[in-house]
Amino acid sequence: MPRARQWWEWRKLPDSLDAAVPDAAELRTRLLTVGPWPARILIISDAWHPQVNGVVRTLDTTARELRAMGHTVEIIGPDRFHTFGMPTYPDIRLAILPRRRLSRLIEHFGPDALHIATEGPLGLSARAWAVKRGCAFTTAFHTRFAEYLHARIRVPTRWSYLGLRRFHDSGQGMMVATPSLREELAGRGFRRIRTWSRGVDLAQFRTELRDEHDPELSDLPRPLFLYVGRIAVEKNIRAFLDLDLPGSKAVVGDGPQLADLKRDYPGVRFTGARHGHELARAYAQGDVFMFPSLTDTFGLVLLEALASGTPVAAFPVTGPVDVLAAPDGSGIALGVGAMSPDLRAAALIALATGDRTRARAHAERYSWRACAVTFLSHLVPLGGH
């Protein structure tokens, strides 16, 4: 990509980039001085369409932004292989013995840079391919597999983290979504950690959608406390549904725990999965967005709720402590919600102090173009030079 084009792409970034992206000044310098490398970027991910989750949205949107900037981007997911359903979560399909076919696909594409997004069968096979050939690559820590395995089948987290460190430390850089996660993983012995934040589609998620009638949510007694996301044990949704709160509770999404929750909480409105405009409208209907997870590494749903004007209630853990933080680091940003070890208290504070205009303004600090630029800056040449 010509340097003039790179300069223009940088100028299109939001003025608030310095607050939204770590080391923004350094990124500015690199964009203005580097050549067209990498022309061809290959991303390997065990999480890909038709899955609906934050990893897929992040990779899909980042790839779209990179293509708009002039790069050729290919994503290889399980959809190109024979697959099986992941134990305890059959909707997630994992590739069966993918190494030989994946090697051919990598070599046929001929990447300038290789990014391995996940630690599943495809990620492990891609890592093996690169290590065998002495190729450099980057990885990303998207998911707390250690905590998820412990929650589902009681595998000790220290065992899982040993394997995760071995996987990621063989690369030239591991991308993480937040400063707090970077600090935590550094304390666990991970090396070469690079911060890669996230973005939100500000055209899709809008405050004015609150004025539209939603046939499943608009007529519920107010205030409406809303959860949106995957319905799974690791999301800790019962911590929200067990709370004594005024008004109504609603859950938007699908997942392996949905049937159990519908049976146990008959007074909660479950809408099932939503997409596109219907999803955006649901976010805007909420008076408070509930985020009970203790194990997310970021939480794209936080930004989508804030962009819709809905303040957030959450535990003070990785993800919320980063996303809801004021730009000057002075604590939680004014009007965006509340965090507390007592989730009920956080919900009531967010209801009382939330400001839909301020919530939207806070979300506007997060750009997908800035996210793609940061990702690009962390990539390494396949040859390691």
Protein backbone atom coordinates (compact mmCIF):
# COMPACT_ATOMS: atom_id res chain seq x y z
CA MET A 1 0.00 0.00 0.00
CA PRO A 2 1.50 3.43 -0.94
CA ARG A 3 2.65 5.58 1.94
CA ALA A 4 0.21 8.31 0.94
CA ARG A 5 -2.62 5.80 1.31
CA GLN A 6 -1.27 4.78 4.73
CA TRP A 7 -1.19 8.43 5.78
CA TRP A 8 -4.79 8.84 4.67
CA GLU A 9 -5.90 5.70 6.51
CA TRP A 10 -4.32 7.10 9.66
CA ARG A 11 -6.08 10.45 9.19
CA LYS A 12 -9.40 8.57 9.02
CA LEU A 13 -8.90 7.24 12.54
CA PRO A 14 -10.85 8.99 15.33
CA ASP A 15 -9.28 11.96 17.10
CA SER A 16 -9.57 10.02 20.35
CA LEU A 17 -7.21 7.30 19.13
CA ASP A 18 -4.50 8.22 21.61
CA ALA A 19 -6.92 7.46 24.46
CA ALA A 20 -8.30 4.30 22.86
CA VAL A 21 -5.12 2.61 21.62
CA PRO A 22 -2.02 1.94 23.70
CA ASP A 23 1.21 3.35 22.21
CA ALA A 24 -0.76 5.34 19.61
CA ALA A 25 2.13 7.74 18.98
CA GLU A 26 4.41 4.83 18.09
CA LEU A 27 1.74 3.37 15.78
CA ARG A 28 1.44 6.73 14.04
CA THR A 29 5.16 6.77 13.33
CA ARG A 30 5.17 3.19 12.07
CA LEU A 31 2.24 3.78 9.71
CA LEU A 32 3.97 6.77 8.17
CA THR A 33 7.30 5.01 7.65
CA VAL A 34 6.71 1.34 6.81
CA GLY A 35 6.27 0.03 3.31
CA PRO A 36 3.47 -2.16 1.92
CA TRP A 37 4.32 -5.18 4.13
CA PRO A 38 2.53 -7.38 4.95
CA ALA A 39 0.64 -7.75 1.69
CA ARG A 40 -0.72 -11.22 2.52
CA ILE A 41 -1.95 -11.98 6.04
CA LEU A 42 -3.10 -15.44 7.08
CA ILE A 43 -5.19 -15.98 10.22
CA ILE A 44 -5.83 -19.46 11.60
CA SER A 45 -8.78 -19.80 13.97
CA ASP A 46 -10.76 -22.65 15.51
CA ALA A 47 -13.50 -20.06 16.14
CA TRP A 48 -15.17 -19.06 12.88
CA HIS A 49 -18.53 -18.85 11.13
CA PRO A 50 -21.18 -20.08 11.73
CA GLN A 51 -20.20 -19.62 15.39
CA VAL A 52 -21.51 -16.40 16.95
CA ASN A 53 -19.11 -15.01 19.54
CA GLY A 54 -16.66 -12.22 20.23
CA VAL A 55 -13.69 -14.01 18.68
CA VAL A 56 -15.48 -14.47 15.36
CA ARG A 57 -16.73 -10.87 15.33
CA THR A 58 -13.28 -9.55 16.15
CA LEU A 59 -11.49 -11.53 13.45
CA ASP A 60 -14.16 -10.94 10.81
CA THR A 61 -14.29 -7.20 11.37
CA THR A 62 -10.51 -6.80 11.69
CA ALA A 63 -10.04 -8.69 8.41
CA ARG A 64 -12.61 -6.47 6.71
CA GLU A 65 -10.79 -3.34 7.89
CA LEU A 66 -7.41 -4.69 6.78
CA ARG A 67 -8.78 -5.48 3.32
CA ALA A 68 -10.12 -1.93 3.10
CA MET A 69 -6.58 -0.74 3.89
CA GLY A 70 -5.21 -2.69 0.92
CA HIS A 71 -4.07 -5.98 2.48
CA THR A 72 -4.97 -9.48 1.31
CA VAL A 73 -6.37 -11.40 4.28
CA GLU A 74 -7.34 -15.05 4.47
CA ILE A 75 -8.96 -16.74 7.48
CA ILE A 76 -8.84 -20.53 7.74
CA GLY A 77 -11.44 -21.98 10.11
CA PRO A 78 -13.06 -25.36 10.84
CA ASP A 79 -15.51 -24.89 7.96
CA ARG A 80 -12.84 -26.28 5.58
CA PHE A 81 -12.39 -29.55 7.47
CA HIS A 82 -14.26 -32.56 8.77
CA THR A 83 -15.38 -31.62 12.27
CA PHE A 84 -16.85 -32.93 15.51
CA GLY A 85 -18.87 -31.17 18.19
CA MET A 86 -16.87 -29.99 21.17
CA PRO A 87 -17.69 -32.03 24.29
CA THR A 88 -20.28 -30.22 26.48
CA TYR A 89 -20.73 -27.63 23.67
CA PRO A 90 -21.70 -29.46 20.44
CA ASP A 91 -22.56 -26.25 18.57
CA ILE A 92 -18.84 -25.46 18.46
CA ARG A 93 -17.26 -27.58 15.72
CA LEU A 94 -13.59 -28.57 15.90
CA ALA A 95 -11.46 -29.82 13.00
CA ILE A 96 -10.56 -33.52 12.92
CA LEU A 97 -6.86 -34.27 12.26
CA PRO A 98 -6.35 -31.08 10.22
CA ARG A 99 -2.53 -30.94 10.05
CA ARG A 100 -1.89 -32.28 6.54
CA ARG A 101 -4.66 -30.33 4.82
CA LEU A 102 -3.88 -27.19 6.82
CA SER A 103 -0.23 -27.36 5.77
CA ARG A 104 -1.28 -27.44 2.12
CA LEU A 105 -3.63 -24.50 2.62
CA ILE A 106 -0.95 -22.41 4.33
CA GLU A 107 1.62 -23.11 1.65
CA HIS A 108 -0.87 -22.48 -1.15
CA PHE A 109 -1.77 -19.06 0.26
CA GLY A 110 1.87 -18.05 0.76
CA PRO A 111 1.50 -15.59 3.66
CA ASP A 112 3.84 -12.74 4.51
CA ALA A 113 2.58 -12.91 8.11
CA LEU A 114 0.91 -15.70 10.08
CA HIS A 115 -1.41 -15.13 13.04
CA ILE A 116 -2.73 -18.07 15.09
CA ALA A 117 -5.84 -16.89 16.91
CA THR A 118 -6.83 -19.93 18.96
CA GLU A 119 -5.36 -22.90 20.80
CA GLY A 120 -7.61 -25.64 19.33
CA PRO A 121 -6.83 -28.34 16.72
CA LEU A 122 -6.23 -25.79 13.95
CA GLY A 123 -4.14 -23.53 16.15
CA LEU A 124 -2.01 -26.43 17.38
CA SER A 125 -1.51 -27.69 13.82
CA ALA A 126 -0.58 -24.23 12.54
CA ARG A 127 1.90 -23.81 15.41
CA ALA A 128 3.45 -27.19 14.59
CA TRP A 129 3.76 -26.20 10.92
CA ALA A 130 5.50 -22.93 11.79
CA VAL A 131 7.83 -24.37 14.43
CA LYS A 132 8.92 -27.22 12.15
CA ARG A 133 9.87 -24.75 9.41
CA GLY A 134 11.35 -22.10 11.66
CA CYS A 135 8.66 -19.59 10.70
CA ALA A 136 7.73 -16.66 12.92
CA PHE A 137 4.11 -16.07 13.95
CA THR A 138 1.92 -14.25 16.44
CA THR A 139 -0.87 -15.60 18.64
CA ALA A 140 -3.79 -14.18 20.61
CA PHE A 141 -5.26 -14.95 24.03
CA HIS A 142 -8.98 -14.61 23.33
CA THR A 143 -10.48 -17.10 25.75
CA ARG A 144 -9.87 -18.25 29.30
CA PHE A 145 -9.73 -21.93 28.44
CA ALA A 146 -8.14 -22.79 31.78
CA GLU A 147 -11.09 -21.36 33.70
CA TYR A 148 -13.64 -22.80 31.24
CA LEU A 149 -12.19 -26.31 31.50
CA HIS A 150 -12.19 -26.00 35.27
CA ALA A 151 -15.82 -24.86 35.29
CA ARG A 152 -16.97 -27.65 32.97
CA ILE A 153 -14.85 -30.70 33.84
CA ARG A 154 -12.81 -29.54 36.87
CA VAL A 155 -9.38 -29.63 35.18
CA PRO A 156 -6.95 -27.77 37.50
CA THR A 157 -6.22 -24.36 36.00
CA ARG A 158 -2.47 -24.66 36.66
CA TRP A 159 -2.31 -27.66 34.29
CA SER A 160 -4.06 -25.74 31.52
CA TYR A 161 -1.89 -22.66 31.95
CA LEU A 162 1.25 -24.77 31.57
CA GLY A 163 0.02 -25.85 28.14
CA LEU A 164 -1.12 -22.36 27.19
CA ARG A 165 2.25 -20.85 28.07
CA ARG A 166 4.03 -23.43 25.93
CA PHE A 167 1.70 -22.68 23.02
CA HIS A 168 1.98 -18.90 23.11
CA ASP A 169 5.61 -18.50 24.11
CA SER A 170 6.72 -20.29 20.94
CA GLY A 171 5.49 -17.31 18.93
CA GLN A 172 6.95 -13.84 18.54
CA GLY A 173 4.09 -12.07 20.29
CA MET A 174 0.83 -12.85 22.09
CA MET A 175 -1.96 -10.31 21.66
CA VAL A 176 -4.36 -9.62 24.55
CA ALA A 177 -7.38 -7.35 24.64
CA THR A 178 -6.82 -5.30 27.81
CA PRO A 179 -4.07 -3.89 30.04
CA SER A 180 -5.42 -5.76 33.06
CA LEU A 181 -5.24 -9.10 31.22
CA ARG A 182 -1.73 -8.25 30.06
CA GLU A 183 -0.67 -7.68 33.65
CA GLU A 184 -2.36 -10.85 34.87
CA LEU A 185 -0.80 -13.09 32.22
CA ALA A 186 2.62 -11.55 32.72
CA GLY A 187 2.27 -12.57 36.36
CA ARG A 188 1.55 -16.12 35.18
CA GLY A 189 4.80 -16.22 33.24
CA PHE A 190 3.65 -15.40 29.69
CA ARG A 191 6.14 -13.44 27.59
CA ARG A 192 6.09 -10.99 24.66
CA ILE A 193 2.56 -9.77 25.44
CA ARG A 194 1.08 -7.07 23.19
CA THR A 195 -2.13 -5.15 23.84
CA TRP A 196 -4.73 -5.30 21.04
CA SER A 197 -7.98 -3.56 21.94
CA ARG A 198 -11.37 -3.93 20.27
CA GLY A 199 -13.96 -1.83 18.48
CA VAL A 200 -17.70 -1.50 18.02
CA ASP A 201 -19.98 -0.92 15.02
CA LEU A 202 -21.34 2.52 15.87
CA ALA A 203 -23.64 2.51 12.84
CA GLN A 204 -25.39 -0.70 13.91
CA PHE A 205 -25.67 -0.08 17.66
CA ARG A 206 -27.46 3.25 18.21
CA THR A 207 -29.33 4.98 21.00
CA GLU A 208 -32.29 5.96 18.84
CA LEU A 209 -33.33 2.31 18.46
CA ARG A 210 -34.74 2.61 21.97
CA ASP A 211 -37.70 4.41 20.42
CA GLU A 212 -38.58 1.43 18.22
CA HIS A 213 -41.14 -1.06 19.49
CA ASP A 214 -39.70 -4.48 20.31
CA PRO A 215 -42.47 -7.13 20.43
CA GLU A 216 -40.70 -9.17 23.11
CA LEU A 217 -39.13 -6.47 25.28
CA SER A 218 -40.87 -3.11 24.99
CA ASP A 219 -43.95 -4.10 27.00
CA LEU A 220 -42.09 -5.63 29.96
CA PRO A 221 -42.42 -3.78 33.29
CA ARG A 222 -39.63 -1.28 33.83
CA PRO A 223 -36.81 -1.07 34.65
CA LEU A 224 -35.48 -3.74 32.29
CA PHE A 225 -32.26 -5.50 33.29
CA LEU A 226 -30.82 -7.12 30.17
CA TYR A 227 -28.22 -9.81 29.41
CA VAL A 228 -26.99 -10.42 25.85
CA GLY A 229 -24.53 -13.16 24.94
CA ARG A 230 -23.79 -16.85 24.93
CA ILE A 231 -25.88 -18.89 27.35
CA ALA A 232 -23.22 -21.06 28.96
CA VAL A 233 -22.05 -21.92 32.46
CA GLU A 234 -18.85 -19.86 32.19
CA LYS A 235 -20.90 -16.69 31.65
CA ASN A 236 -22.19 -16.90 35.24
CA ILE A 237 -25.70 -15.87 34.19
CA ARG A 238 -27.34 -17.32 37.30
CA ALA A 239 -25.52 -14.66 39.35
CA PHE A 240 -27.70 -12.13 37.51
CA LEU A 241 -30.94 -14.11 37.42
CA ASP A 242 -30.81 -14.85 41.16
CA LEU A 243 -30.77 -11.14 42.06
CA ASP A 244 -33.74 -9.42 43.69
CA LEU A 245 -34.27 -6.51 41.31
CA PRO A 246 -37.23 -4.29 40.45
CA GLY A 247 -38.96 -4.48 37.07
CA SER A 248 -38.03 -7.23 34.61
CA LYS A 249 -35.15 -9.39 33.49
CA ALA A 250 -34.47 -10.48 29.92
CA VAL A 251 -31.87 -12.75 28.34
CA VAL A 252 -30.95 -12.54 24.64
CA GLY A 253 -28.84 -15.34 23.18
CA ASP A 254 -28.47 -19.07 22.77
CA GLY A 255 -26.20 -21.78 24.14
CA PRO A 256 -26.00 -25.07 25.99
CA GLN A 257 -27.43 -23.69 29.25
CA LEU A 258 -30.53 -22.12 27.71
CA ALA A 259 -32.96 -24.97 28.41
CA ASP A 260 -31.89 -25.24 32.06
CA LEU A 261 -32.23 -21.51 32.66
CA LYS A 262 -35.65 -21.31 31.00
CA ARG A 263 -36.83 -24.12 33.28
CA ASP A 264 -35.36 -22.63 36.46
CA TYR A 265 -36.36 -18.98 35.84
CA PRO A 266 -39.88 -18.92 34.38
CA GLY A 267 -40.29 -15.24 35.22
CA VAL A 268 -37.42 -14.19 32.92
CA ARG A 269 -38.00 -13.28 29.28
CA PHE A 270 -35.77 -15.42 27.01
CA THR A 271 -35.76 -14.24 23.41
CA GLY A 272 -33.26 -16.69 21.91
CA ALA A 273 -30.50 -15.58 19.58
CA ARG A 274 -30.79 -12.31 17.69
CA HIS A 275 -28.77 -10.78 14.90
CA GLY A 276 -28.45 -7.54 13.00
CA HIS A 277 -31.11 -4.90 13.59
CA GLU A 278 -33.11 -7.03 16.04
CA LEU A 279 -30.02 -7.50 18.20
CA ALA A 280 -29.21 -3.81 18.16
CA ARG A 281 -32.80 -2.95 19.06
CA ALA A 282 -32.66 -5.34 22.02
CA TYR A 283 -29.56 -3.64 23.44
CA ALA A 284 -31.27 -0.26 23.27
CA GLN A 285 -34.35 -1.52 25.14
CA GLY A 286 -32.40 -2.24 28.31
CA ASP A 287 -32.28 0.17 31.23
CA VAL A 288 -29.20 -1.62 32.58
CA PHE A 289 -26.98 -4.10 30.77
CA MET A 290 -25.95 -6.93 33.10
CA PHE A 291 -22.50 -8.47 32.65
CA PRO A 292 -22.09 -11.20 35.30
CA SER A 293 -19.11 -12.96 33.70
CA LEU A 294 -15.95 -13.40 35.76
CA THR A 295 -13.88 -14.98 32.98
CA ASP A 296 -14.17 -12.87 29.80
CA THR A 297 -11.01 -11.39 28.36
CA PHE A 298 -12.77 -8.27 27.02
CA GLY A 299 -16.53 -8.43 26.44
CA LEU A 300 -17.53 -6.94 23.09
CA VAL A 301 -21.09 -6.90 24.39
CA LEU A 302 -20.05 -4.15 26.81
CA LEU A 303 -19.19 -1.83 23.93
CA GLU A 304 -22.34 -2.79 22.02
CA ALA A 305 -24.49 -1.99 25.05
CA LEU A 306 -22.75 1.34 25.65
CA ALA A 307 -23.02 2.29 21.98
CA SER A 308 -26.77 1.65 22.36
CA GLY A 309 -26.83 4.02 25.33
CA THR A 310 -27.37 1.30 27.94
CA PRO A 311 -25.27 1.61 31.13
CA VAL A 312 -23.48 -1.49 32.42
CA ALA A 313 -23.49 -3.34 35.74
CA ALA A 314 -20.60 -5.74 36.25
CA PHE A 315 -18.17 -7.27 38.67
CA PRO A 316 -14.81 -5.43 38.90
CA VAL A 317 -12.88 -7.94 36.78
CA THR A 318 -10.84 -7.99 33.56
CA GLY A 319 -12.97 -6.61 30.77
CA PRO A 320 -15.28 -4.24 32.66
CA VAL A 321 -12.42 -2.60 34.60
CA ASP A 322 -10.78 -1.79 31.25
CA VAL A 323 -13.79 -0.98 29.06
CA LEU A 324 -15.60 1.17 31.63
CA ALA A 325 -12.48 3.06 32.73
CA ALA A 326 -12.27 6.81 32.32
CA PRO A 327 -9.74 7.93 29.66
CA ASP A 328 -7.54 9.55 32.31
CA GLY A 329 -7.44 6.39 34.41
CA SER A 330 -9.21 8.08 37.32
CA GLY A 331 -11.73 5.26 37.78
CA ILE A 332 -14.97 4.35 36.06
CA ALA A 333 -16.13 6.84 33.45
CA LEU A 334 -19.05 9.05 34.46
CA GLY A 335 -22.47 7.76 33.45
CA VAL A 336 -21.40 4.44 31.87
CA GLY A 337 -22.57 2.22 34.72
CA ALA A 338 -21.16 0.66 37.87
CA MET A 339 -18.94 -2.18 39.10
CA SER A 340 -19.08 -3.89 42.48
CA PRO A 341 -18.42 -7.29 44.06
CA ASP A 342 -22.13 -7.02 44.91
CA LEU A 343 -23.75 -7.29 41.47
CA ARG A 344 -27.14 -6.18 42.78
CA ALA A 345 -25.61 -3.00 44.15
CA ALA A 346 -23.87 -2.38 40.82
CA ALA A 347 -27.18 -2.86 38.97
CA LEU A 348 -29.05 -0.37 41.17
CA ILE A 349 -26.23 2.19 40.98
CA ALA A 350 -26.08 1.86 37.20
CA LEU A 351 -29.86 2.34 37.06
CA ALA A 352 -29.66 5.48 39.20
CA THR A 353 -26.56 7.10 37.69
CA GLY A 354 -26.43 5.83 34.12
CA ASP A 355 -26.49 8.45 31.40
CA ARG A 356 -27.36 7.18 27.93
CA THR A 357 -25.64 10.09 26.17
CA ARG A 358 -22.43 9.62 28.15
CA ALA A 359 -22.54 5.86 27.58
CA ARG A 360 -22.73 6.38 23.84
CA ALA A 361 -19.91 8.93 23.89
CA HIS A 362 -17.72 6.49 25.80
CA ALA A 363 -18.28 3.76 23.19
CA GLU A 364 -17.33 6.17 20.42
CA ARG A 365 -13.73 6.01 21.67
CA TYR A 366 -13.45 2.46 20.29
CA SER A 367 -12.89 2.16 16.54
CA TRP A 368 -12.55 -1.03 14.51
CA ARG A 369 -10.11 0.78 12.24
CA ALA A 370 -7.89 1.55 15.24
CA CYS A 371 -8.22 -2.11 16.26
CA ALA A 372 -7.03 -3.25 12.81
CA VAL A 373 -4.11 -0.82 12.82
CA THR A 374 -2.96 -2.12 16.19
CA PHE A 375 -3.25 -5.73 14.99
CA LEU A 376 -1.23 -4.89 11.90
CA SER A 377 1.52 -3.26 13.96
CA HIS A 378 1.97 -6.45 16.03
CA LEU A 379 2.42 -8.85 13.11
CA VAL A 380 5.87 -10.24 12.32
CA PRO A 381 7.37 -11.38 9.00
CA LEU A 382 7.06 -15.12 8.41
CA GLY A 383 10.83 -15.28 7.99
CA GLY A 384 11.37 -13.57 11.35
CA HIS A 385 13.31 -10.59 9.96
